[in-house]
Amino acid sequence: MDMDAETAQPRLCHLRKVPDYDGYGFKLCSEEGKLCQFIGEVEPGSPAAAAGLRDGNRIVEVNGENVNGESQSEVTTIHSLNHHYTM
């Protein structure tokens, strides 16, 4: 089901690395000229899929830290320092 910006509601997803999977299983994307990040692709069977992430989800917060206005490299740094995170 596709949701537009007016009907989309924030939701909390807990994402953890697992020993038998390399990475989290999603692509972090951004739009050119905008400082907002979103999920570009979720791999089936990945920790990201198990956490409920979906293609197109906008990332607002990582581990309680608001990432609105942060660059993609700043958000990547936040997530690379942890073995689990909450979005």
PDB file of N, CA and C in Angstrom:
ATOM      1  N   MET A   1       0.839  -1.169   0.000  1.00  0.00           N
ATOM      2  CA  MET A   1       0.000   0.000   0.000  1.00  0.00           C
ATOM      3  C   MET A   1       0.888   1.238   0.000  1.00  0.00           C
ATOM      4  N   ASP A   2       0.700   2.141  -0.967  1.00  0.00           N
ATOM      5  CA  ASP A   2       1.443   3.386  -1.021  1.00  0.00           C
ATOM      6  C   ASP A   2       0.730   4.440  -0.198  1.00  0.00           C
ATOM      7  N   MET A   3       1.511   5.212   0.541  1.00  0.00           N
ATOM      8  CA  MET A   3       0.939   6.284   1.331  1.00  0.00           C
ATOM      9  C   MET A   3       1.561   7.593   0.885  1.00  0.00           C
ATOM     10  N   ASP A   4       0.756   8.629   0.759  1.00  0.00           N
ATOM     11  CA  ASP A   4       1.330   9.926   0.441  1.00  0.00           C
ATOM     12  C   ASP A   4       1.725  10.635   1.729  1.00  0.00           C
ATOM     13  N   ALA A   5       2.367  11.781   1.599  1.00  0.00           N
ATOM     14  CA  ALA A   5       2.899  12.495   2.760  1.00  0.00           C
ATOM     15  C   ALA A   5       1.813  12.907   3.740  1.00  0.00           C
ATOM     16  N   GLU A   6       0.593  13.129   3.261  1.00  0.00           N
ATOM     17  CA  GLU A   6      -0.481  13.560   4.150  1.00  0.00           C
ATOM     18  C   GLU A   6      -1.011  12.420   5.017  1.00  0.00           C
ATOM     19  N   THR A   7      -0.969  11.193   4.546  1.00  0.00           N
ATOM     20  CA  THR A   7      -1.525  10.076   5.303  1.00  0.00           C
ATOM     21  C   THR A   7      -0.468   9.252   6.026  1.00  0.00           C
ATOM     22  N   ALA A   8       0.811   9.448   5.682  1.00  0.00           N
ATOM     23  CA  ALA A   8       1.884   8.673   6.315  1.00  0.00           C
ATOM     24  C   ALA A   8       2.036   9.089   7.774  1.00  0.00           C
ATOM     25  N   GLN A   9       2.191   8.112   8.630  1.00  0.00           N
ATOM     26  CA  GLN A   9       2.380   8.345  10.061  1.00  0.00           C
ATOM     27  C   GLN A   9       3.748   7.814  10.474  1.00  0.00           C
ATOM     28  N   PRO A  10       4.437   8.527  11.370  1.00  0.00           N
ATOM     29  CA  PRO A  10       5.725   8.015  11.850  1.00  0.00           C
ATOM     30  C   PRO A  10       5.546   6.687  12.579  1.00  0.00           C
ATOM     31  N   ARG A  11       6.540   5.818  12.458  1.00  0.00           N
ATOM     32  CA  ARG A  11       6.532   4.578  13.224  1.00  0.00           C
ATOM     33  C   ARG A  11       7.954   4.268  13.628  1.00  0.00           C
ATOM     34  N   LEU A  12       8.078   3.551  14.702  1.00  0.00           N
ATOM     35  CA  LEU A  12       9.368   3.222  15.271  1.00  0.00           C
ATOM     36  C   LEU A  12       9.781   1.830  14.807  1.00  0.00           C
ATOM     37  N   CYS A  13      10.993   1.710  14.293  1.00  0.00           N
ATOM     38  CA  CYS A  13      11.528   0.416  13.860  1.00  0.00           C
ATOM     39  C   CYS A  13      12.830   0.155  14.607  1.00  0.00           C
ATOM     40  N   HIS A  14      12.958  -1.033  15.187  1.00  0.00           N
ATOM     41  CA  HIS A  14      14.177  -1.437  15.888  1.00  0.00           C
ATOM     42  C   HIS A  14      14.949  -2.368  14.966  1.00  0.00           C
ATOM     43  N   LEU A  15      16.139  -1.990  14.632  1.00  0.00           N
ATOM     44  CA  LEU A  15      16.945  -2.716  13.665  1.00  0.00           C
ATOM     45  C   LEU A  15      18.223  -3.206  14.343  1.00  0.00           C
ATOM     46  N   ARG A  16      18.495  -4.512  14.222  1.00  0.00           N
ATOM     47  CA  ARG A  16      19.681  -5.114  14.847  1.00  0.00           C
ATOM     48  C   ARG A  16      20.454  -5.935  13.824  1.00  0.00           C
ATOM     49  N   LYS A  17      21.782  -5.881  13.951  1.00  0.00           N
ATOM     50  CA  LYS A  17      22.615  -6.763  13.140  1.00  0.00           C
ATOM     51  C   LYS A  17      22.447  -8.182  13.644  1.00  0.00           C
ATOM     52  N   VAL A  18      22.515  -9.122  12.732  1.00  0.00           N
ATOM     53  CA  VAL A  18      22.459 -10.532  13.107  1.00  0.00           C
ATOM     54  C   VAL A  18      23.727 -11.218  12.588  1.00  0.00           C
ATOM     55  N   PRO A  19      24.191 -12.245  13.294  1.00  0.00           N
ATOM     56  CA  PRO A  19      25.471 -12.877  12.942  1.00  0.00           C
ATOM     57  C   PRO A  19      25.531 -13.467  11.538  1.00  0.00           C
ATOM     58  N   ASP A  20      24.434 -13.977  11.021  1.00  0.00           N
ATOM     59  CA  ASP A  20      24.475 -14.660   9.730  1.00  0.00           C
ATOM     60  C   ASP A  20      24.066 -13.766   8.556  1.00  0.00           C
ATOM     61  N   TYR A  21      24.090 -12.436   8.744  1.00  0.00           N
ATOM     62  CA  TYR A  21      23.711 -11.516   7.672  1.00  0.00           C
ATOM     63  C   TYR A  21      24.719 -10.370   7.634  1.00  0.00           C
ATOM     64  N   ASP A  22      25.246 -10.072   6.461  1.00  0.00           N
ATOM     65  CA  ASP A  22      26.226  -9.001   6.304  1.00  0.00           C
ATOM     66  C   ASP A  22      25.500  -7.667   6.127  1.00  0.00           C
ATOM     67  N   GLY A  23      25.558  -6.819   7.136  1.00  0.00           N
ATOM     68  CA  GLY A  23      24.910  -5.508   7.067  1.00  0.00           C
ATOM     69  C   GLY A  23      23.487  -5.550   7.592  1.00  0.00           C
ATOM     70  N   TYR A  24      22.708  -4.556   7.161  1.00  0.00           N
ATOM     71  CA  TYR A  24      21.313  -4.441   7.605  1.00  0.00           C
ATOM     72  C   TYR A  24      20.312  -4.768   6.499  1.00  0.00           C
ATOM     73  N   GLY A  25      20.732  -4.675   5.250  1.00  0.00           N
ATOM     74  CA  GLY A  25      19.858  -5.039   4.152  1.00  0.00           C
ATOM     75  C   GLY A  25      18.973  -3.924   3.630  1.00  0.00           C
ATOM     76  N   PHE A  26      19.487  -2.692   3.650  1.00  0.00           N
ATOM     77  CA  PHE A  26      18.746  -1.612   3.010  1.00  0.00           C
ATOM     78  C   PHE A  26      19.725  -0.597   2.439  1.00  0.00           C
ATOM     79  N   LYS A  27      19.244   0.173   1.461  1.00  0.00           N
ATOM     80  CA  LYS A  27      20.030   1.252   0.882  1.00  0.00           C
ATOM     81  C   LYS A  27      19.550   2.567   1.461  1.00  0.00           C
ATOM     82  N   LEU A  28      20.485   3.365   1.942  1.00  0.00           N
ATOM     83  CA  LEU A  28      20.181   4.698   2.430  1.00  0.00           C
ATOM     84  C   LEU A  28      20.309   5.650   1.253  1.00  0.00           C
ATOM     85  N   CYS A  29      19.264   6.420   0.988  1.00  0.00           N
ATOM     86  CA  CYS A  29      19.245   7.311  -0.165  1.00  0.00           C
ATOM     87  C   CYS A  29      18.893   8.730   0.253  1.00  0.00           C
ATOM     88  N   SER A  30      19.195   9.662  -0.618  1.00  0.00           N
ATOM     89  CA  SER A  30      18.803  11.047  -0.401  1.00  0.00           C
ATOM     90  C   SER A  30      18.465  11.670  -1.747  1.00  0.00           C
ATOM     91  N   GLU A  31      17.721  12.750  -1.692  1.00  0.00           N
ATOM     92  CA  GLU A  31      17.381  13.466  -2.918  1.00  0.00           C
ATOM     93  C   GLU A  31      18.397  14.581  -3.127  1.00  0.00           C
ATOM     94  N   GLU A  32      18.793  14.757  -4.366  1.00  0.00           N
ATOM     95  CA  GLU A  32      19.770  15.792  -4.682  1.00  0.00           C
ATOM     96  C   GLU A  32      19.256  17.161  -4.235  1.00  0.00           C
ATOM     97  N   GLY A  33      20.093  17.872  -3.517  1.00  0.00           N
ATOM     98  CA  GLY A  33      19.743  19.209  -3.068  1.00  0.00           C
ATOM     99  C   GLY A  33      18.884  19.269  -1.822  1.00  0.00           C
ATOM    100  N   LYS A  34      18.550  18.101  -1.255  1.00  0.00           N
ATOM    101  CA  LYS A  34      17.740  18.067  -0.040  1.00  0.00           C
ATOM    102  C   LYS A  34      18.496  17.331   1.051  1.00  0.00           C
ATOM    103  N   LEU A  35      18.348  17.798   2.288  1.00  0.00           N
ATOM    104  CA  LEU A  35      18.993  17.138   3.424  1.00  0.00           C
ATOM    105  C   LEU A  35      17.968  16.286   4.157  1.00  0.00           C
ATOM    106  N   CYS A  36      17.498  15.245   3.500  1.00  0.00           N
ATOM    107  CA  CYS A  36      16.639  14.254   4.141  1.00  0.00           C
ATOM    108  C   CYS A  36      17.000  12.902   3.558  1.00  0.00           C
ATOM    109  N   GLN A  37      16.891  11.875   4.381  1.00  0.00           N
ATOM    110  CA  GLN A  37      17.282  10.532   3.982  1.00  0.00           C
ATOM    111  C   GLN A  37      16.045   9.640   3.933  1.00  0.00           C
ATOM    112  N   PHE A  38      16.095   8.656   3.068  1.00  0.00           N
ATOM    113  CA  PHE A  38      15.008   7.698   2.986  1.00  0.00           C
ATOM    114  C   PHE A  38      15.550   6.332   2.608  1.00  0.00           C
ATOM    115  N   ILE A  39      14.722   5.334   2.821  1.00  0.00           N
ATOM    116  CA  ILE A  39      15.075   3.956   2.485  1.00  0.00           C
ATOM    117  C   ILE A  39      14.806   3.764   0.998  1.00  0.00           C
ATOM    118  N   GLY A  40      15.851   3.413   0.259  1.00  0.00           N
ATOM    119  CA  GLY A  40      15.720   3.256  -1.189  1.00  0.00           C
ATOM    120  C   GLY A  40      15.354   1.845  -1.600  1.00  0.00           C
ATOM    121  N   GLU A  41      15.797   0.884  -0.844  1.00  0.00           N
ATOM    122  CA  GLU A  41      15.535  -0.525  -1.189  1.00  0.00           C
ATOM    123  C   GLU A  41      15.760  -1.385   0.052  1.00  0.00           C
ATOM    124  N   VAL A  42      14.826  -2.295   0.312  1.00  0.00           N
ATOM    125  CA  VAL A  42      14.959  -3.240   1.429  1.00  0.00           C
ATOM    126  C   VAL A  42      15.093  -4.638   0.846  1.00  0.00           C
ATOM    127  N   GLU A  43      16.128  -5.344   1.247  1.00  0.00           N
ATOM    128  CA  GLU A  43      16.351  -6.707   0.767  1.00  0.00           C
ATOM    129  C   GLU A  43      15.435  -7.676   1.507  1.00  0.00           C
ATOM    130  N   PRO A  44      14.711  -8.515   0.779  1.00  0.00           N
ATOM    131  CA  PRO A  44      13.857  -9.519   1.431  1.00  0.00           C
ATOM    132  C   PRO A  44      14.692 -10.426   2.339  1.00  0.00           C
ATOM    133  N   GLY A  45      14.166 -10.745   3.515  1.00  0.00           N
ATOM    134  CA  GLY A  45      14.844 -11.625   4.454  1.00  0.00           C
ATOM    135  C   GLY A  45      15.936 -10.956   5.271  1.00  0.00           C
ATOM    136  N   SER A  46      16.104  -9.664   5.108  1.00  0.00           N
ATOM    137  CA  SER A  46      17.168  -8.932   5.812  1.00  0.00           C
ATOM    138  C   SER A  46      16.701  -8.462   7.189  1.00  0.00           C
ATOM    139  N   PRO A  47      17.634  -8.037   8.044  1.00  0.00           N
ATOM    140  CA  PRO A  47      17.239  -7.436   9.320  1.00  0.00           C
ATOM    141  C   PRO A  47      16.323  -6.216   9.122  1.00  0.00           C
ATOM    142  N   ALA A  48      16.568  -5.444   8.063  1.00  0.00           N
ATOM    143  CA  ALA A  48      15.715  -4.284   7.777  1.00  0.00           C
ATOM    144  C   ALA A  48      14.278  -4.712   7.474  1.00  0.00           C
ATOM    145  N   ALA A  49      14.126  -5.767   6.686  1.00  0.00           N
ATOM    146  CA  ALA A  49      12.786  -6.275   6.373  1.00  0.00           C
ATOM    147  C   ALA A  49      12.112  -6.796   7.637  1.00  0.00           C
ATOM    148  N   ALA A  50      12.869  -7.505   8.466  1.00  0.00           N
ATOM    149  CA  ALA A  50      12.311  -8.043   9.710  1.00  0.00           C
ATOM    150  C   ALA A  50      11.875  -6.924  10.658  1.00  0.00           C
ATOM    151  N   ALA A  51      12.561  -5.768  10.602  1.00  0.00           N
ATOM    152  CA  ALA A  51      12.218  -4.634  11.453  1.00  0.00           C
ATOM    153  C   ALA A  51      11.031  -3.842  10.935  1.00  0.00           C
ATOM    154  N   GLY A  52      10.602  -4.143   9.709  1.00  0.00           N
ATOM    155  CA  GLY A  52       9.446  -3.446   9.150  1.00  0.00           C
ATOM    156  C   GLY A  52       9.769  -2.248   8.288  1.00  0.00           C
ATOM    157  N   LEU A  53      11.053  -2.055   7.936  1.00  0.00           N
ATOM    158  CA  LEU A  53      11.383  -0.959   7.026  1.00  0.00           C
ATOM    159  C   LEU A  53      10.824  -1.261   5.649  1.00  0.00           C
ATOM    160  N   ARG A  54      10.392  -0.209   4.961  1.00  0.00           N
ATOM    161  CA  ARG A  54       9.837  -0.363   3.619  1.00  0.00           C
ATOM    162  C   ARG A  54      10.478   0.642   2.679  1.00  0.00           C
ATOM    163  N   ASP A  55      10.565   0.268   1.410  1.00  0.00           N
ATOM    164  CA  ASP A  55      11.094   1.184   0.396  1.00  0.00           C
ATOM    165  C   ASP A  55      10.342   2.502   0.485  1.00  0.00           C
ATOM    166  N   GLY A  56      11.093   3.598   0.472  1.00  0.00           N
ATOM    167  CA  GLY A  56      10.491   4.922   0.500  1.00  0.00           C
ATOM    168  C   GLY A  56      10.309   5.518   1.882  1.00  0.00           C
ATOM    169  N   ASN A  57      10.488   4.723   2.949  1.00  0.00           N
ATOM    170  CA  ASN A  57      10.379   5.281   4.306  1.00  0.00           C
ATOM    171  C   ASN A  57      11.384   6.411   4.469  1.00  0.00           C
ATOM    172  N   ARG A  58      10.934   7.500   5.039  1.00  0.00           N
ATOM    173  CA  ARG A  58      11.825   8.625   5.342  1.00  0.00           C
ATOM    174  C   ARG A  58      12.398   8.427   6.744  1.00  0.00           C
ATOM    175  N   ILE A  59      13.690   8.652   6.900  1.00  0.00           N
ATOM    176  CA  ILE A  59      14.334   8.508   8.197  1.00  0.00           C
ATOM    177  C   ILE A  59      14.326   9.865   8.886  1.00  0.00           C
ATOM    178  N   VAL A  60      13.721   9.901  10.058  1.00  0.00           N
ATOM    179  CA  VAL A  60      13.584  11.137  10.817  1.00  0.00           C
ATOM    180  C   VAL A  60      14.536  11.146  12.008  1.00  0.00           C
ATOM    181  N   GLU A  61      14.765   9.969  12.586  1.00  0.00           N
ATOM    182  CA  GLU A  61      15.541   9.870  13.818  1.00  0.00           C
ATOM    183  C   GLU A  61      16.313   8.558  13.822  1.00  0.00           C
ATOM    184  N   VAL A  62      17.531   8.590  14.357  1.00  0.00           N
ATOM    185  CA  VAL A  62      18.333   7.383  14.525  1.00  0.00           C
ATOM    186  C   VAL A  62      18.833   7.367  15.971  1.00  0.00           C
ATOM    187  N   ASN A  63      18.457   6.319  16.701  1.00  0.00           N
ATOM    188  CA  ASN A  63      18.847   6.174  18.111  1.00  0.00           C
ATOM    189  C   ASN A  63      18.543   7.425  18.933  1.00  0.00           C
ATOM    190  N   GLY A  64      17.350   7.977  18.709  1.00  0.00           N
ATOM    191  CA  GLY A  64      16.912   9.134  19.473  1.00  0.00           C
ATOM    192  C   GLY A  64      17.482  10.458  19.009  1.00  0.00           C
ATOM    193  N   GLU A  65      18.316  10.438  17.982  1.00  0.00           N
ATOM    194  CA  GLU A  65      18.927  11.658  17.455  1.00  0.00           C
ATOM    195  C   GLU A  65      18.224  12.078  16.171  1.00  0.00           C
ATOM    196  N   ASN A  66      17.646  13.281  16.178  1.00  0.00           N
ATOM    197  CA  ASN A  66      16.957  13.799  15.005  1.00  0.00           C
ATOM    198  C   ASN A  66      17.975  13.981  13.883  1.00  0.00           C
ATOM    199  N   VAL A  67      17.685  13.433  12.706  1.00  0.00           N
ATOM    200  CA  VAL A  67      18.603  13.533  11.581  1.00  0.00           C
ATOM    201  C   VAL A  67      18.045  14.390  10.452  1.00  0.00           C
ATOM    202  N   ASN A  68      16.946  15.102  10.701  1.00  0.00           N
ATOM    203  CA  ASN A  68      16.456  16.052   9.704  1.00  0.00           C
ATOM    204  C   ASN A  68      17.516  17.110   9.481  1.00  0.00           C
ATOM    205  N   GLY A  69      17.844  17.373   8.252  1.00  0.00           N
ATOM    206  CA  GLY A  69      18.847  18.371   7.930  1.00  0.00           C
ATOM    207  C   GLY A  69      20.268  17.850   7.939  1.00  0.00           C
ATOM    208  N   GLU A  70      20.463  16.575   8.285  1.00  0.00           N
ATOM    209  CA  GLU A  70      21.802  15.976   8.272  1.00  0.00           C
ATOM    210  C   GLU A  70      22.104  15.432   6.880  1.00  0.00           C
ATOM    211  N   SER A  71      23.365  15.451   6.509  1.00  0.00           N
ATOM    212  CA  SER A  71      23.767  14.891   5.218  1.00  0.00           C
ATOM    213  C   SER A  71      23.746  13.369   5.289  1.00  0.00           C
ATOM    214  N   GLN A  72      23.792  12.745   4.125  1.00  0.00           N
ATOM    215  CA  GLN A  72      23.805  11.282   4.081  1.00  0.00           C
ATOM    216  C   GLN A  72      25.045  10.734   4.789  1.00  0.00           C
ATOM    217  N   SER A  73      26.185  11.389   4.642  1.00  0.00           N
ATOM    218  CA  SER A  73      27.397  10.894   5.305  1.00  0.00           C
ATOM    219  C   SER A  73      27.284  11.013   6.824  1.00  0.00           C
ATOM    220  N   GLU A  74      26.615  12.053   7.329  1.00  0.00           N
ATOM    221  CA  GLU A  74      26.430  12.185   8.772  1.00  0.00           C
ATOM    222  C   GLU A  74      25.513  11.089   9.307  1.00  0.00           C
ATOM    223  N   VAL A  75      24.441  10.782   8.583  1.00  0.00           N
ATOM    224  CA  VAL A  75      23.532   9.714   9.010  1.00  0.00           C
ATOM    225  C   VAL A  75      24.245   8.367   8.941  1.00  0.00           C
ATOM    226  N   THR A  76      25.045   8.149   7.914  1.00  0.00           N
ATOM    227  CA  THR A  76      25.805   6.899   7.788  1.00  0.00           C
ATOM    228  C   THR A  76      26.782   6.743   8.946  1.00  0.00           C
ATOM    229  N   THR A  77      27.416   7.823   9.362  1.00  0.00           N
ATOM    230  CA  THR A  77      28.345   7.775  10.495  1.00  0.00           C
ATOM    231  C   THR A  77      27.613   7.371  11.761  1.00  0.00           C
ATOM    232  N   ILE A  78      26.459   7.936  12.018  1.00  0.00           N
ATOM    233  CA  ILE A  78      25.669   7.590  13.203  1.00  0.00           C
ATOM    234  C   ILE A  78      25.364   6.103  13.203  1.00  0.00           C
ATOM    235  N   HIS A  79      24.906   5.581  12.064  1.00  0.00           N
ATOM    236  CA  HIS A  79      24.494   4.173  12.023  1.00  0.00           C
ATOM    237  C   HIS A  79      25.687   3.228  12.021  1.00  0.00           C
ATOM    238  N   SER A  80      26.840   3.651  11.516  1.00  0.00           N
ATOM    239  CA  SER A  80      27.991   2.747  11.488  1.00  0.00           C
ATOM    240  C   SER A  80      28.644   2.581  12.862  1.00  0.00           C
ATOM    241  N   LEU A  81      28.336   3.450  13.798  1.00  0.00           N
ATOM    242  CA  LEU A  81      28.911   3.357  15.137  1.00  0.00           C
ATOM    243  C   LEU A  81      28.161   2.382  16.038  1.00  0.00           C
ATOM    244  N   ASN A  82      27.052   1.829  15.551  1.00  0.00           N
ATOM    245  CA  ASN A  82      26.191   0.994  16.385  1.00  0.00           C
ATOM    246  C   ASN A  82      25.988  -0.383  15.771  1.00  0.00           C
ATOM    247  N   HIS A  83      25.687  -1.356  16.612  1.00  0.00           N
ATOM    248  CA  HIS A  83      25.316  -2.687  16.134  1.00  0.00           C
ATOM    249  C   HIS A  83      23.801  -2.853  16.104  1.00  0.00           C
ATOM    250  N   HIS A  84      23.112  -1.880  16.606  1.00  0.00           N
ATOM    251  CA  HIS A  84      21.650  -1.838  16.484  1.00  0.00           C
ATOM    252  C   HIS A  84      21.245  -0.379  16.506  1.00  0.00           C
ATOM    253  N   TYR A  85      20.105  -0.109  15.961  1.00  0.00           N
ATOM    254  CA  TYR A  85      19.599   1.244  16.072  1.00  0.00           C
ATOM    255  C   TYR A  85      18.095   1.265  15.899  1.00  0.00           C
ATOM    256  N   THR A  86      17.534   2.397  16.305  1.00  0.00           N
ATOM    257  CA  THR A  86      16.099   2.602  16.271  1.00  0.00           C
ATOM    258  C   THR A  86      15.803   3.759  15.340  1.00  0.00           C
ATOM    259  N   MET A  87      14.875   3.525  14.418  1.00  0.00           N
ATOM    260  CA  MET A  87      14.491   4.577  13.476  1.00  0.00           C
ATOM    261  C   MET A  87      12.990   4.782  13.567  1.00  0.00           C
TER     262      MET A  87
END
